Amino acid sequence: AVVSTQSTGWWRGLPPKVRGTVWKLAVGNELQLTKNLYFLMVDRARETLRCCKDDIEMKHISEETRDNVRDIRLDVLRTFPALCIFQESGPYHDQLMDVLGAYASYRPDVGYVQGMSFLTAVLLLNMDAADSFILLSNLLHQPCQRAFFRMDADMMFVYFDAFNVFFEEALAPLFGYFAQTNLTPDLYMIGWVFTLFSKSLPLDIASRVWDVFFRDGDSFLF
């Protein structure tokens, strides 16, 4: 009965006041990142941002880094615009810039990928910036997210094929229509995985999806 009650609680959605704490416990910190590392990466990201604003120093910044800075600036403005809290002068704007910049500094091999701003924004609504950085980094280290955010085509198509199997089993008529019209998973699943449905669903429903995803892992997405 206790297990049944706990399972029902996850499906109904975790209480907002404990959601961040539960998410951190569910994901863990396999990478053993610290808040001190976050602050170090933030300082590095802020310095990069300052340099990118100075035309004289632009030559010292790589093309990839300049692209990251440009994309982060653009995407932050487009993140949950209806909330008006992540845009310039909004209370979460600087924190979102900091966490995204810190991650790009921490993982220059990955850099910034569109979709990260929505993931980070949801985290910031439930925990502080340093914890958001730690959870984001561990989340993007998971096999599914790592495959998509690094655009590993072979692994991505493994996930697409798995999705198709479950899709056909659960909704055969709709699966048949999608197949007939050549509506393949690569046309719609990438956005779902990149944002964990936070862009395509209302925020409260997306948060409940995240609750169960953090409990069950990748299998819940498929």
N, C-alpha and C. Protein backbone atom coordinates (compact mmCIF):
# COMPACT_ATOMS: atom_id res chain seq x y z
N ALA A 1 0.83 -1.21 0.00
CA ALA A 1 0.00 0.00 0.00
C ALA A 1 0.86 1.26 0.00
N VAL A 2 1.97 1.20 0.74
CA VAL A 2 2.86 2.35 0.80
C VAL A 2 3.46 2.62 -0.58
N VAL A 3 3.91 1.54 -1.25
CA VAL A 3 4.50 1.68 -2.57
C VAL A 3 3.47 2.24 -3.55
N SER A 4 2.23 1.72 -3.45
CA SER A 4 1.16 2.19 -4.34
C SER A 4 0.90 3.67 -4.12
N THR A 5 0.87 4.10 -2.87
CA THR A 5 0.64 5.50 -2.54
C THR A 5 1.76 6.38 -3.07
N GLN A 6 3.01 5.92 -2.91
CA GLN A 6 4.14 6.70 -3.40
C GLN A 6 4.09 6.83 -4.92
N SER A 7 3.75 5.72 -5.60
CA SER A 7 3.67 5.75 -7.05
C SER A 7 2.59 6.71 -7.52
N THR A 8 1.45 6.68 -6.85
CA THR A 8 0.37 7.59 -7.20
C THR A 8 0.79 9.03 -6.99
N GLY A 9 1.56 9.29 -5.91
CA GLY A 9 2.03 10.64 -5.63
C GLY A 9 2.91 11.18 -6.74
N TRP A 10 3.79 10.32 -7.27
CA TRP A 10 4.65 10.74 -8.38
C TRP A 10 3.81 11.09 -9.60
N TRP A 11 2.82 10.26 -9.90
CA TRP A 11 2.00 10.48 -11.09
C TRP A 11 1.16 11.74 -10.96
N ARG A 12 0.69 12.04 -9.77
CA ARG A 12 -0.12 13.23 -9.56
C ARG A 12 0.72 14.50 -9.51
N GLY A 13 2.01 14.35 -9.34
CA GLY A 13 2.89 15.50 -9.27
C GLY A 13 3.40 15.73 -7.87
N LEU A 14 4.70 15.98 -7.76
CA LEU A 14 5.29 16.26 -6.46
C LEU A 14 4.88 17.65 -5.98
N PRO A 15 4.78 17.84 -4.67
CA PRO A 15 4.50 19.19 -4.16
C PRO A 15 5.61 20.15 -4.58
N PRO A 16 5.27 21.31 -5.10
CA PRO A 16 6.29 22.25 -5.59
C PRO A 16 7.38 22.57 -4.58
N LYS A 17 7.03 22.61 -3.30
CA LYS A 17 8.02 23.01 -2.31
C LYS A 17 9.11 21.96 -2.09
N VAL A 18 8.87 20.72 -2.49
CA VAL A 18 9.89 19.67 -2.33
C VAL A 18 10.41 19.17 -3.68
N ARG A 19 9.84 19.65 -4.75
CA ARG A 19 10.17 19.13 -6.09
C ARG A 19 11.68 19.21 -6.38
N GLY A 20 12.27 20.37 -6.13
CA GLY A 20 13.69 20.53 -6.42
C GLY A 20 14.55 19.57 -5.63
N THR A 21 14.23 19.41 -4.35
CA THR A 21 15.00 18.50 -3.50
C THR A 21 14.89 17.07 -3.98
N VAL A 22 13.68 16.66 -4.34
CA VAL A 22 13.47 15.29 -4.81
C VAL A 22 14.17 15.07 -6.15
N TRP A 23 14.10 16.05 -7.03
CA TRP A 23 14.79 15.91 -8.32
C TRP A 23 16.28 15.72 -8.12
N LYS A 24 16.88 16.50 -7.23
CA LYS A 24 18.32 16.38 -6.99
C LYS A 24 18.68 14.99 -6.47
N LEU A 25 17.86 14.47 -5.58
CA LEU A 25 18.11 13.14 -5.03
C LEU A 25 17.92 12.07 -6.10
N ALA A 26 16.92 12.25 -6.95
CA ALA A 26 16.62 11.26 -7.98
C ALA A 26 17.72 11.18 -9.04
N VAL A 27 18.24 12.33 -9.45
CA VAL A 27 19.27 12.36 -10.49
C VAL A 27 20.64 12.02 -9.92
N GLY A 28 20.89 12.50 -8.72
CA GLY A 28 22.19 12.25 -8.10
C GLY A 28 23.27 13.15 -8.67
N ASN A 29 24.49 12.86 -8.30
CA ASN A 29 25.63 13.66 -8.75
C ASN A 29 26.79 12.74 -9.08
N GLU A 30 26.56 11.88 -10.08
CA GLU A 30 27.58 10.93 -10.49
C GLU A 30 28.88 11.61 -10.90
N LEU A 31 28.77 12.83 -11.44
CA LEU A 31 29.95 13.56 -11.88
C LEU A 31 30.71 14.19 -10.72
N GLN A 32 30.11 14.17 -9.53
CA GLN A 32 30.73 14.72 -8.31
C GLN A 32 31.12 16.18 -8.49
N LEU A 33 30.22 16.94 -9.06
CA LEU A 33 30.45 18.36 -9.24
C LEU A 33 30.18 19.11 -7.95
N THR A 34 30.83 20.24 -7.80
CA THR A 34 30.68 21.04 -6.58
C THR A 34 30.21 22.45 -6.93
N LYS A 35 29.71 23.12 -5.93
CA LYS A 35 29.28 24.50 -6.14
C LYS A 35 30.49 25.39 -6.43
N ASN A 36 31.63 25.05 -5.86
CA ASN A 36 32.83 25.84 -6.15
C ASN A 36 33.18 25.77 -7.64
N LEU A 37 33.00 24.59 -8.24
CA LEU A 37 33.24 24.47 -9.68
C LEU A 37 32.28 25.36 -10.45
N TYR A 38 31.02 25.38 -10.01
CA TYR A 38 30.04 26.24 -10.68
C TYR A 38 30.48 27.69 -10.66
N PHE A 39 30.87 28.17 -9.50
CA PHE A 39 31.28 29.58 -9.38
C PHE A 39 32.51 29.87 -10.25
N LEU A 40 33.42 28.91 -10.34
CA LEU A 40 34.59 29.07 -11.20
C LEU A 40 34.17 29.17 -12.66
N MET A 41 33.24 28.30 -13.08
CA MET A 41 32.77 28.31 -14.46
C MET A 41 31.97 29.59 -14.76
N VAL A 42 31.24 30.08 -13.78
CA VAL A 42 30.49 31.33 -13.97
C VAL A 42 31.45 32.48 -14.20
N ASP A 43 32.50 32.56 -13.41
CA ASP A 43 33.49 33.63 -13.59
C ASP A 43 34.10 33.56 -14.99
N ARG A 44 34.40 32.34 -15.43
CA ARG A 44 34.98 32.17 -16.76
C ARG A 44 33.97 32.59 -17.84
N ALA A 45 32.71 32.21 -17.65
CA ALA A 45 31.67 32.56 -18.64
C ALA A 45 31.44 34.06 -18.70
N ARG A 46 31.44 34.70 -17.54
CA ARG A 46 31.23 36.15 -17.51
C ARG A 46 32.38 36.88 -18.18
N GLU A 47 33.58 36.39 -18.00
CA GLU A 47 34.74 36.99 -18.66
C GLU A 47 34.64 36.83 -20.17
N THR A 48 34.21 35.65 -20.60
CA THR A 48 34.02 35.41 -22.03
C THR A 48 32.98 36.36 -22.60
N LEU A 49 31.88 36.53 -21.86
CA LEU A 49 30.82 37.43 -22.31
C LEU A 49 31.34 38.86 -22.41
N ARG A 50 32.16 39.26 -21.43
CA ARG A 50 32.73 40.62 -21.46
C ARG A 50 33.63 40.79 -22.68
N CYS A 51 34.43 39.78 -22.95
CA CYS A 51 35.33 39.86 -24.10
C CYS A 51 34.57 39.92 -25.41
N CYS A 52 33.47 39.19 -25.48
CA CYS A 52 32.68 39.17 -26.71
C CYS A 52 31.99 40.50 -26.96
N LYS A 53 31.87 41.33 -25.94
CA LYS A 53 31.27 42.64 -26.11
C LYS A 53 32.31 43.66 -26.58
N ASP A 54 33.59 43.28 -26.50
CA ASP A 54 34.69 44.20 -26.83
C ASP A 54 35.24 43.83 -28.20
N ASP A 55 35.01 44.65 -29.19
CA ASP A 55 35.46 44.35 -30.55
C ASP A 55 36.97 44.13 -30.63
N ILE A 56 37.72 44.81 -29.78
CA ILE A 56 39.18 44.68 -29.81
C ILE A 56 39.60 43.28 -29.40
N GLU A 57 38.88 42.70 -28.43
CA GLU A 57 39.27 41.40 -27.91
C GLU A 57 38.61 40.23 -28.63
N MET A 58 37.74 40.49 -29.57
CA MET A 58 37.02 39.42 -30.24
C MET A 58 37.95 38.41 -30.90
N LYS A 59 39.11 38.87 -31.36
CA LYS A 59 40.02 37.97 -32.06
C LYS A 59 40.58 36.89 -31.15
N HIS A 60 40.49 37.08 -29.84
CA HIS A 60 41.01 36.10 -28.89
C HIS A 60 39.97 35.04 -28.53
N ILE A 61 38.75 35.20 -29.03
CA ILE A 61 37.67 34.27 -28.72
C ILE A 61 37.39 33.40 -29.94
N SER A 62 37.29 32.09 -29.72
CA SER A 62 37.07 31.18 -30.84
C SER A 62 35.70 31.40 -31.47
N GLU A 63 35.58 30.96 -32.70
CA GLU A 63 34.30 31.08 -33.41
C GLU A 63 33.21 30.29 -32.68
N GLU A 64 33.55 29.10 -32.16
CA GLU A 64 32.57 28.29 -31.44
C GLU A 64 32.08 29.00 -30.18
N THR A 65 32.99 29.65 -29.47
CA THR A 65 32.61 30.36 -28.25
C THR A 65 31.71 31.55 -28.58
N ARG A 66 32.04 32.27 -29.64
CA ARG A 66 31.20 33.40 -30.05
C ARG A 66 29.80 32.92 -30.43
N ASP A 67 29.75 31.77 -31.11
CA ASP A 67 28.44 31.20 -31.48
C ASP A 67 27.65 30.83 -30.23
N ASN A 68 28.33 30.27 -29.23
CA ASN A 68 27.66 29.92 -27.98
C ASN A 68 27.06 31.14 -27.31
N VAL A 69 27.85 32.20 -27.22
CA VAL A 69 27.39 33.43 -26.58
C VAL A 69 26.19 34.00 -27.32
N ARG A 70 26.29 34.04 -28.65
CA ARG A 70 25.18 34.57 -29.45
C ARG A 70 23.91 33.75 -29.25
N ASP A 71 24.05 32.43 -29.30
CA ASP A 71 22.87 31.56 -29.19
C ASP A 71 22.26 31.62 -27.80
N ILE A 72 23.09 31.70 -26.78
CA ILE A 72 22.57 31.81 -25.41
C ILE A 72 21.77 33.09 -25.25
N ARG A 73 22.33 34.20 -25.72
CA ARG A 73 21.62 35.49 -25.62
C ARG A 73 20.26 35.43 -26.31
N LEU A 74 20.24 34.86 -27.50
CA LEU A 74 18.98 34.78 -28.25
C LEU A 74 17.98 33.86 -27.57
N ASP A 75 18.44 32.70 -27.12
CA ASP A 75 17.51 31.72 -26.56
C ASP A 75 16.98 32.13 -25.20
N VAL A 76 17.78 32.82 -24.41
CA VAL A 76 17.30 33.29 -23.11
C VAL A 76 16.09 34.20 -23.30
N LEU A 77 16.14 35.04 -24.30
CA LEU A 77 15.02 35.95 -24.55
C LEU A 77 13.77 35.21 -25.00
N ARG A 78 13.95 34.01 -25.56
CA ARG A 78 12.82 33.25 -26.08
C ARG A 78 12.36 32.15 -25.13
N THR A 79 12.89 32.14 -23.93
CA THR A 79 12.57 31.08 -22.98
C THR A 79 11.37 31.48 -22.12
N PHE A 80 10.30 30.72 -22.21
CA PHE A 80 9.06 31.00 -21.49
C PHE A 80 8.73 32.50 -21.52
N PRO A 81 8.58 33.08 -22.71
CA PRO A 81 8.35 34.53 -22.80
C PRO A 81 7.08 35.01 -22.08
N ALA A 82 6.09 34.15 -21.98
CA ALA A 82 4.83 34.55 -21.33
C ALA A 82 5.04 34.81 -19.84
N LEU A 83 6.07 34.19 -19.26
CA LEU A 83 6.32 34.39 -17.82
C LEU A 83 7.01 35.72 -17.54
N CYS A 84 7.73 36.24 -18.52
CA CYS A 84 8.43 37.53 -18.39
C CYS A 84 9.42 37.56 -17.23
N ILE A 85 10.05 36.42 -16.93
CA ILE A 85 10.99 36.39 -15.81
C ILE A 85 12.41 36.03 -16.25
N PHE A 86 12.55 35.53 -17.47
CA PHE A 86 13.87 35.15 -17.96
C PHE A 86 14.43 36.15 -18.96
N GLN A 87 13.62 37.09 -19.37
CA GLN A 87 14.07 38.09 -20.33
C GLN A 87 14.85 39.19 -19.60
N GLU A 88 15.48 40.07 -20.36
CA GLU A 88 16.27 41.14 -19.75
C GLU A 88 15.43 41.93 -18.77
N SER A 89 16.01 42.26 -17.63
CA SER A 89 15.38 42.94 -16.50
C SER A 89 14.48 42.01 -15.69
N GLY A 90 14.29 40.77 -16.15
CA GLY A 90 13.52 39.80 -15.38
C GLY A 90 14.35 39.24 -14.24
N PRO A 91 13.71 38.73 -13.18
CA PRO A 91 14.45 38.27 -11.99
C PRO A 91 15.33 37.05 -12.21
N TYR A 92 15.07 36.27 -13.26
CA TYR A 92 15.86 35.06 -13.50
C TYR A 92 16.78 35.18 -14.71
N HIS A 93 16.82 36.34 -15.33
CA HIS A 93 17.62 36.49 -16.55
C HIS A 93 19.10 36.21 -16.31
N ASP A 94 19.67 36.87 -15.31
CA ASP A 94 21.11 36.72 -15.06
C ASP A 94 21.46 35.30 -14.63
N GLN A 95 20.59 34.69 -13.82
CA GLN A 95 20.85 33.33 -13.37
C GLN A 95 20.84 32.35 -14.55
N LEU A 96 19.89 32.54 -15.46
CA LEU A 96 19.82 31.67 -16.63
C LEU A 96 21.06 31.84 -17.51
N MET A 97 21.47 33.09 -17.72
CA MET A 97 22.68 33.35 -18.48
C MET A 97 23.89 32.70 -17.81
N ASP A 98 23.97 32.82 -16.49
CA ASP A 98 25.11 32.27 -15.75
C ASP A 98 25.20 30.75 -15.87
N VAL A 99 24.08 30.07 -15.66
CA VAL A 99 24.11 28.60 -15.68
C VAL A 99 24.43 28.09 -17.08
N LEU A 100 23.82 28.69 -18.09
CA LEU A 100 24.10 28.25 -19.47
C LEU A 100 25.55 28.54 -19.85
N GLY A 101 26.04 29.70 -19.47
CA GLY A 101 27.43 30.04 -19.74
C GLY A 101 28.38 29.12 -19.00
N ALA A 102 28.03 28.81 -17.76
CA ALA A 102 28.88 27.93 -16.95
C ALA A 102 28.95 26.53 -17.57
N TYR A 103 27.81 26.03 -18.04
CA TYR A 103 27.83 24.70 -18.65
C TYR A 103 28.66 24.70 -19.93
N ALA A 104 28.50 25.72 -20.76
CA ALA A 104 29.29 25.81 -21.99
C ALA A 104 30.78 25.89 -21.69
N SER A 105 31.14 26.54 -20.58
CA SER A 105 32.55 26.62 -20.18
C SER A 105 33.03 25.29 -19.63
N TYR A 106 32.16 24.61 -18.89
CA TYR A 106 32.50 23.32 -18.30
C TYR A 106 32.64 22.24 -19.36
N ARG A 107 31.76 22.27 -20.38
CA ARG A 107 31.79 21.27 -21.43
C ARG A 107 31.93 21.94 -22.80
N PRO A 108 33.09 22.48 -23.11
CA PRO A 108 33.28 23.13 -24.41
C PRO A 108 33.11 22.17 -25.58
N ASP A 109 33.27 20.86 -25.32
CA ASP A 109 33.08 19.88 -26.39
C ASP A 109 31.61 19.77 -26.79
N VAL A 110 30.73 20.14 -25.87
CA VAL A 110 29.29 20.15 -26.15
C VAL A 110 28.83 21.56 -26.46
N GLY A 111 29.30 22.51 -25.64
CA GLY A 111 28.92 23.90 -25.81
C GLY A 111 27.46 24.14 -25.46
N TYR A 112 26.88 25.13 -26.09
CA TYR A 112 25.46 25.40 -25.88
C TYR A 112 24.66 24.82 -27.04
N VAL A 113 23.58 24.12 -26.72
CA VAL A 113 22.69 23.55 -27.73
C VAL A 113 21.29 24.08 -27.46
N GLN A 114 20.60 24.51 -28.51
CA GLN A 114 19.25 25.02 -28.33
C GLN A 114 18.38 23.99 -27.65
N GLY A 115 17.64 24.44 -26.66
CA GLY A 115 16.85 23.54 -25.83
C GLY A 115 17.34 23.54 -24.39
N MET A 116 18.65 23.78 -24.23
CA MET A 116 19.21 23.81 -22.88
C MET A 116 18.60 24.94 -22.04
N SER A 117 18.20 26.02 -22.70
CA SER A 117 17.66 27.14 -21.94
C SER A 117 16.35 26.76 -21.26
N PHE A 118 15.53 25.93 -21.91
CA PHE A 118 14.27 25.50 -21.30
C PHE A 118 14.53 24.53 -20.15
N LEU A 119 15.46 23.60 -20.34
CA LEU A 119 15.81 22.70 -19.25
C LEU A 119 16.28 23.47 -18.03
N THR A 120 17.18 24.41 -18.27
CA THR A 120 17.76 25.18 -17.17
C THR A 120 16.73 26.07 -16.51
N ALA A 121 15.85 26.65 -17.29
CA ALA A 121 14.81 27.52 -16.72
C ALA A 121 13.91 26.74 -15.76
N VAL A 122 13.52 25.54 -16.15
CA VAL A 122 12.68 24.72 -15.26
C VAL A 122 13.43 24.40 -13.97
N LEU A 123 14.70 24.10 -14.09
CA LEU A 123 15.49 23.81 -12.90
C LEU A 123 15.58 25.03 -11.99
N LEU A 124 15.80 26.20 -12.57
CA LEU A 124 15.93 27.42 -11.77
C LEU A 124 14.64 27.77 -11.03
N LEU A 125 13.52 27.34 -11.55
CA LEU A 125 12.25 27.58 -10.86
C LEU A 125 12.09 26.68 -9.64
N ASN A 126 13.00 25.70 -9.52
CA ASN A 126 12.86 24.73 -8.43
C ASN A 126 14.09 24.61 -7.53
N MET A 127 15.18 25.31 -7.87
CA MET A 127 16.38 25.23 -7.04
C MET A 127 17.30 26.40 -7.39
N ASP A 128 18.37 26.57 -6.63
CA ASP A 128 19.26 27.70 -6.90
C ASP A 128 20.14 27.43 -8.11
N ALA A 129 20.89 28.44 -8.51
CA ALA A 129 21.66 28.37 -9.75
C ALA A 129 22.74 27.29 -9.70
N ALA A 130 23.45 27.21 -8.58
CA ALA A 130 24.53 26.21 -8.48
C ALA A 130 23.98 24.79 -8.57
N ASP A 131 22.89 24.54 -7.87
CA ASP A 131 22.28 23.21 -7.94
C ASP A 131 21.71 22.94 -9.33
N SER A 132 21.21 23.98 -9.98
CA SER A 132 20.71 23.82 -11.35
C SER A 132 21.84 23.39 -12.29
N PHE A 133 22.99 24.00 -12.12
CA PHE A 133 24.16 23.65 -12.94
C PHE A 133 24.57 22.20 -12.71
N ILE A 134 24.60 21.79 -11.46
CA ILE A 134 25.01 20.43 -11.12
C ILE A 134 24.01 19.41 -11.67
N LEU A 135 22.71 19.68 -11.51
CA LEU A 135 21.72 18.75 -12.01
C LEU A 135 21.71 18.72 -13.54
N LEU A 136 21.80 19.90 -14.16
CA LEU A 136 21.83 19.96 -15.62
C LEU A 136 23.00 19.16 -16.18
N SER A 137 24.17 19.32 -15.58
CA SER A 137 25.36 18.61 -16.07
C SER A 137 25.19 17.10 -15.95
N ASN A 138 24.64 16.65 -14.83
CA ASN A 138 24.41 15.22 -14.64
C ASN A 138 23.30 14.70 -15.55
N LEU A 139 22.28 15.51 -15.77
CA LEU A 139 21.20 15.12 -16.68
C LEU A 139 21.72 14.94 -18.10
N LEU A 140 22.52 15.90 -18.57
CA LEU A 140 23.03 15.83 -19.93
C LEU A 140 24.12 14.77 -20.10
N HIS A 141 24.51 14.17 -18.98
CA HIS A 141 25.49 13.07 -19.01
C HIS A 141 24.78 11.72 -19.16
N GLN A 142 23.46 11.70 -19.02
CA GLN A 142 22.70 10.47 -19.17
C GLN A 142 22.74 10.00 -20.63
N PRO A 143 22.67 8.70 -20.87
CA PRO A 143 22.84 8.17 -22.23
C PRO A 143 21.96 8.81 -23.29
N CYS A 144 20.66 8.94 -23.00
CA CYS A 144 19.75 9.50 -24.01
C CYS A 144 20.07 10.95 -24.30
N GLN A 145 20.19 11.75 -23.25
CA GLN A 145 20.49 13.17 -23.45
C GLN A 145 21.86 13.36 -24.09
N ARG A 146 22.82 12.55 -23.69
CA ARG A 146 24.16 12.67 -24.27
C ARG A 146 24.12 12.39 -25.77
N ALA A 147 23.36 11.39 -26.17
CA ALA A 147 23.26 11.06 -27.59
C ALA A 147 22.64 12.20 -28.39
N PHE A 148 21.57 12.80 -27.86
CA PHE A 148 20.87 13.85 -28.60
C PHE A 148 21.64 15.16 -28.59
N PHE A 149 22.13 15.57 -27.43
CA PHE A 149 22.81 16.86 -27.37
C PHE A 149 24.17 16.86 -28.05
N ARG A 150 24.73 15.68 -28.25
CA ARG A 150 25.97 15.60 -29.02
C ARG A 150 25.70 15.18 -30.47
N MET A 151 24.41 15.07 -30.79
CA MET A 151 23.98 14.74 -32.16
C MET A 151 24.67 13.48 -32.66
N ASP A 152 24.64 12.45 -31.81
CA ASP A 152 25.18 11.14 -32.18
C ASP A 152 24.10 10.43 -33.00
N ALA A 153 24.18 10.55 -34.32
CA ALA A 153 23.11 10.07 -35.20
C ALA A 153 22.80 8.59 -35.01
N ASP A 154 23.84 7.77 -34.87
CA ASP A 154 23.62 6.33 -34.72
C ASP A 154 22.79 6.02 -33.49
N MET A 155 23.16 6.64 -32.36
CA MET A 155 22.42 6.38 -31.12
C MET A 155 21.03 7.01 -31.16
N MET A 156 20.92 8.16 -31.78
CA MET A 156 19.61 8.80 -31.89
C MET A 156 18.63 7.90 -32.64
N PHE A 157 19.10 7.25 -33.70
CA PHE A 157 18.20 6.37 -34.46
C PHE A 157 17.88 5.08 -33.70
N VAL A 158 18.74 4.70 -32.78
CA VAL A 158 18.39 3.58 -31.89
C VAL A 158 17.18 3.97 -31.04
N TYR A 159 17.21 5.19 -30.52
CA TYR A 159 16.07 5.68 -29.72
C TYR A 159 14.83 5.87 -30.58
N PHE A 160 15.00 6.37 -31.80
CA PHE A 160 13.86 6.53 -32.70
C PHE A 160 13.21 5.17 -32.98
N ASP A 161 14.03 4.15 -33.23
CA ASP A 161 13.49 2.82 -33.51
C ASP A 161 12.75 2.26 -32.29
N ALA A 162 13.32 2.49 -31.10
CA ALA A 162 12.66 2.02 -29.88
C ALA A 162 11.32 2.72 -29.70
N PHE A 163 11.30 4.02 -29.96
CA PHE A 163 10.05 4.77 -29.86
C PHE A 163 9.01 4.21 -30.82
N ASN A 164 9.41 3.90 -32.04
CA ASN A 164 8.47 3.37 -33.04
C ASN A 164 7.86 2.05 -32.60
N VAL A 165 8.66 1.20 -31.96
CA VAL A 165 8.15 -0.08 -31.47
C VAL A 165 7.03 0.13 -30.46
N PHE A 166 7.28 1.01 -29.48
CA PHE A 166 6.28 1.27 -28.45
C PHE A 166 5.08 2.03 -29.03
N PHE A 167 5.36 2.92 -29.95
CA PHE A 167 4.30 3.70 -30.61
C PHE A 167 3.33 2.75 -31.33
N GLU A 168 3.87 1.80 -32.08
CA GLU A 168 3.02 0.88 -32.83
C GLU A 168 2.21 -0.01 -31.89
N GLU A 169 2.83 -0.44 -30.79
CA GLU A 169 2.13 -1.29 -29.83
C GLU A 169 0.99 -0.55 -29.15
N ALA A 170 1.23 0.72 -28.80
CA ALA A 170 0.24 1.46 -28.02
C ALA A 170 -0.84 2.12 -28.87
N LEU A 171 -0.46 2.63 -30.04
CA LEU A 171 -1.40 3.39 -30.87
C LEU A 171 -1.23 2.99 -32.34
N ALA A 172 -1.59 1.76 -32.64
CA ALA A 172 -1.35 1.22 -33.98
C ALA A 172 -1.98 2.06 -35.10
N PRO A 173 -3.26 2.49 -34.99
CA PRO A 173 -3.84 3.29 -36.08
C PRO A 173 -3.09 4.60 -36.32
N LEU A 174 -2.72 5.29 -35.23
CA LEU A 174 -1.99 6.55 -35.37
C LEU A 174 -0.59 6.30 -35.91
N PHE A 175 0.04 5.23 -35.45
CA PHE A 175 1.35 4.86 -35.97
C PHE A 175 1.27 4.62 -37.48
N GLY A 176 0.22 3.93 -37.92
CA GLY A 176 0.05 3.67 -39.35
C GLY A 176 -0.12 4.94 -40.15
N TYR A 177 -0.87 5.89 -39.58
CA TYR A 177 -1.06 7.18 -40.27
C TYR A 177 0.26 7.93 -40.37
N PHE A 178 1.03 7.94 -39.29
CA PHE A 178 2.33 8.60 -39.31
C PHE A 178 3.25 7.96 -40.36
N ALA A 179 3.24 6.62 -40.42
CA ALA A 179 4.09 5.92 -41.38
C ALA A 179 3.65 6.23 -42.81
N GLN A 180 2.34 6.29 -43.00
CA GLN A 180 1.80 6.55 -44.34
C GLN A 180 2.16 7.94 -44.83
N THR A 181 2.23 8.89 -43.91
CA THR A 181 2.52 10.28 -44.28
C THR A 181 4.00 10.64 -44.10
N ASN A 182 4.81 9.61 -43.83
CA ASN A 182 6.26 9.81 -43.64
C ASN A 182 6.59 10.79 -42.52
N LEU A 183 5.78 10.75 -41.48
CA LEU A 183 6.03 11.58 -40.30
C LEU A 183 6.87 10.75 -39.33
N THR A 184 8.18 10.86 -39.47
CA THR A 184 9.11 10.02 -38.73
C THR A 184 9.55 10.68 -37.42
N PRO A 185 9.98 9.88 -36.44
CA PRO A 185 10.34 10.42 -35.13
C PRO A 185 11.38 11.53 -35.15
N ASP A 186 12.29 11.51 -36.11
CA ASP A 186 13.33 12.54 -36.14
C ASP A 186 12.75 13.92 -36.42
N LEU A 187 11.50 13.98 -36.87
CA LEU A 187 10.87 15.26 -37.17
C LEU A 187 10.24 15.91 -35.94
N TYR A 188 9.98 15.12 -34.90
CA TYR A 188 9.32 15.70 -33.73
C TYR A 188 9.94 15.29 -32.39
N MET A 189 10.69 14.19 -32.36
CA MET A 189 11.21 13.73 -31.07
C MET A 189 12.39 14.55 -30.57
N ILE A 190 13.16 15.11 -31.49
CA ILE A 190 14.35 15.86 -31.07
C ILE A 190 13.96 17.01 -30.15
N GLY A 191 12.93 17.76 -30.53
CA GLY A 191 12.47 18.86 -29.69
C GLY A 191 11.95 18.39 -28.35
N TRP A 192 11.29 17.25 -28.34
CA TRP A 192 10.79 16.70 -27.07
C TRP A 192 11.94 16.35 -26.13
N VAL A 193 12.96 15.68 -26.67
CA VAL A 193 14.08 15.26 -25.83
C VAL A 193 14.91 16.46 -25.40
N PHE A 194 15.14 17.40 -26.32
CA PHE A 194 15.95 18.57 -25.98
C PHE A 194 15.35 19.37 -24.82
N THR A 195 14.05 19.45 -24.74
CA THR A 195 13.40 20.29 -23.71
C THR A 195 12.63 19.47 -22.68
N LEU A 196 12.64 18.15 -22.83
CA LEU A 196 11.85 17.27 -21.96
C LEU A 196 10.41 17.77 -21.85
N PHE A 197 9.86 18.13 -22.99
CA PHE A 197 8.45 18.53 -23.12
C PHE A 197 8.12 19.87 -22.46
N SER A 198 9.12 20.56 -21.95
CA SER A 198 8.81 21.82 -21.24
C SER A 198 8.40 22.94 -22.20
N LYS A 199 8.72 22.79 -23.48
CA LYS A 199 8.31 23.80 -24.46
C LYS A 199 6.97 23.46 -25.09
N SER A 200 6.65 22.18 -25.17
CA SER A 200 5.44 21.74 -25.86
C SER A 200 4.25 21.52 -24.94
N LEU A 201 4.47 21.50 -23.64
CA LEU A 201 3.39 21.30 -22.67
C LEU A 201 3.30 22.49 -21.72
N PRO A 202 2.13 22.74 -21.14
CA PRO A 202 2.05 23.76 -20.08
C PRO A 202 3.04 23.42 -18.97
N LEU A 203 3.59 24.43 -18.34
CA LEU A 203 4.68 24.22 -17.40
C LEU A 203 4.30 23.29 -16.25
N ASP A 204 3.06 23.40 -15.74
CA ASP A 204 2.68 22.55 -14.61
C ASP A 204 2.60 21.08 -15.03
N ILE A 205 2.12 20.82 -16.24
CA ILE A 205 2.06 19.44 -16.73
C ILE A 205 3.46 18.93 -17.05
N ALA A 206 4.29 19.78 -17.67
CA ALA A 206 5.67 19.39 -17.97
C ALA A 206 6.41 19.03 -16.69
N SER A 207 6.15 19.76 -15.61
CA SER A 207 6.82 19.48 -14.34
C SER A 207 6.43 18.10 -13.82
N ARG A 208 5.20 17.70 -14.04
CA ARG A 208 4.77 16.36 -13.63
C ARG A 208 5.42 15.30 -14.50
N VAL A 209 5.61 15.60 -15.78
CA VAL A 209 6.35 14.69 -16.65
C VAL A 209 7.77 14.51 -16.13
N TRP A 210 8.39 15.63 -15.74
CA TRP A 210 9.75 15.56 -15.19
C TRP A 210 9.79 14.72 -13.92
N ASP A 211 8.76 14.85 -13.08
CA ASP A 211 8.72 14.07 -11.84
C ASP A 211 8.88 12.58 -12.14
N VAL A 212 8.07 12.08 -13.07
CA VAL A 212 8.10 10.65 -13.38
C VAL A 212 9.35 10.29 -14.17
N PHE A 213 9.80 11.19 -15.04
CA PHE A 213 11.03 10.94 -15.79
C PHE A 213 12.22 10.76 -14.85
N PHE A 214 12.33 11.61 -13.83
CA PHE A 214 13.44 11.50 -12.90
C PHE A 214 13.33 10.24 -12.06
N ARG A 215 12.11 9.75 -11.88
CA ARG A 215 11.94 8.50 -11.14
C ARG A 215 12.27 7.29 -12.01
N ASP A 216 11.76 7.27 -13.27
CA ASP A 216 11.83 6.08 -14.12
C ASP A 216 12.94 6.11 -15.15
N GLY A 217 13.49 7.29 -15.45
CA GLY A 217 14.55 7.38 -16.43
C GLY A 217 14.06 7.43 -17.87
N ASP A 218 14.97 7.14 -18.80
CA ASP A 218 14.69 7.26 -20.22
C ASP A 218 13.47 6.47 -20.66
N SER A 219 13.23 5.34 -20.02
CA SER A 219 12.13 4.48 -20.46
C SER A 219 10.78 5.20 -20.43
N PHE A 220 10.66 6.17 -19.53
CA PHE A 220 9.40 6.90 -19.44
C PHE A 220 9.14 7.75 -20.69
N LEU A 221 10.20 8.20 -21.34
CA LEU A 221 10.04 9.03 -22.54
C LEU A 221 9.54 8.22 -23.73
N PHE A 222 9.67 6.92 -23.65
CA PHE A 222 9.32 6.07 -24.80
C PHE A 222 8.16 5.16 -24.48
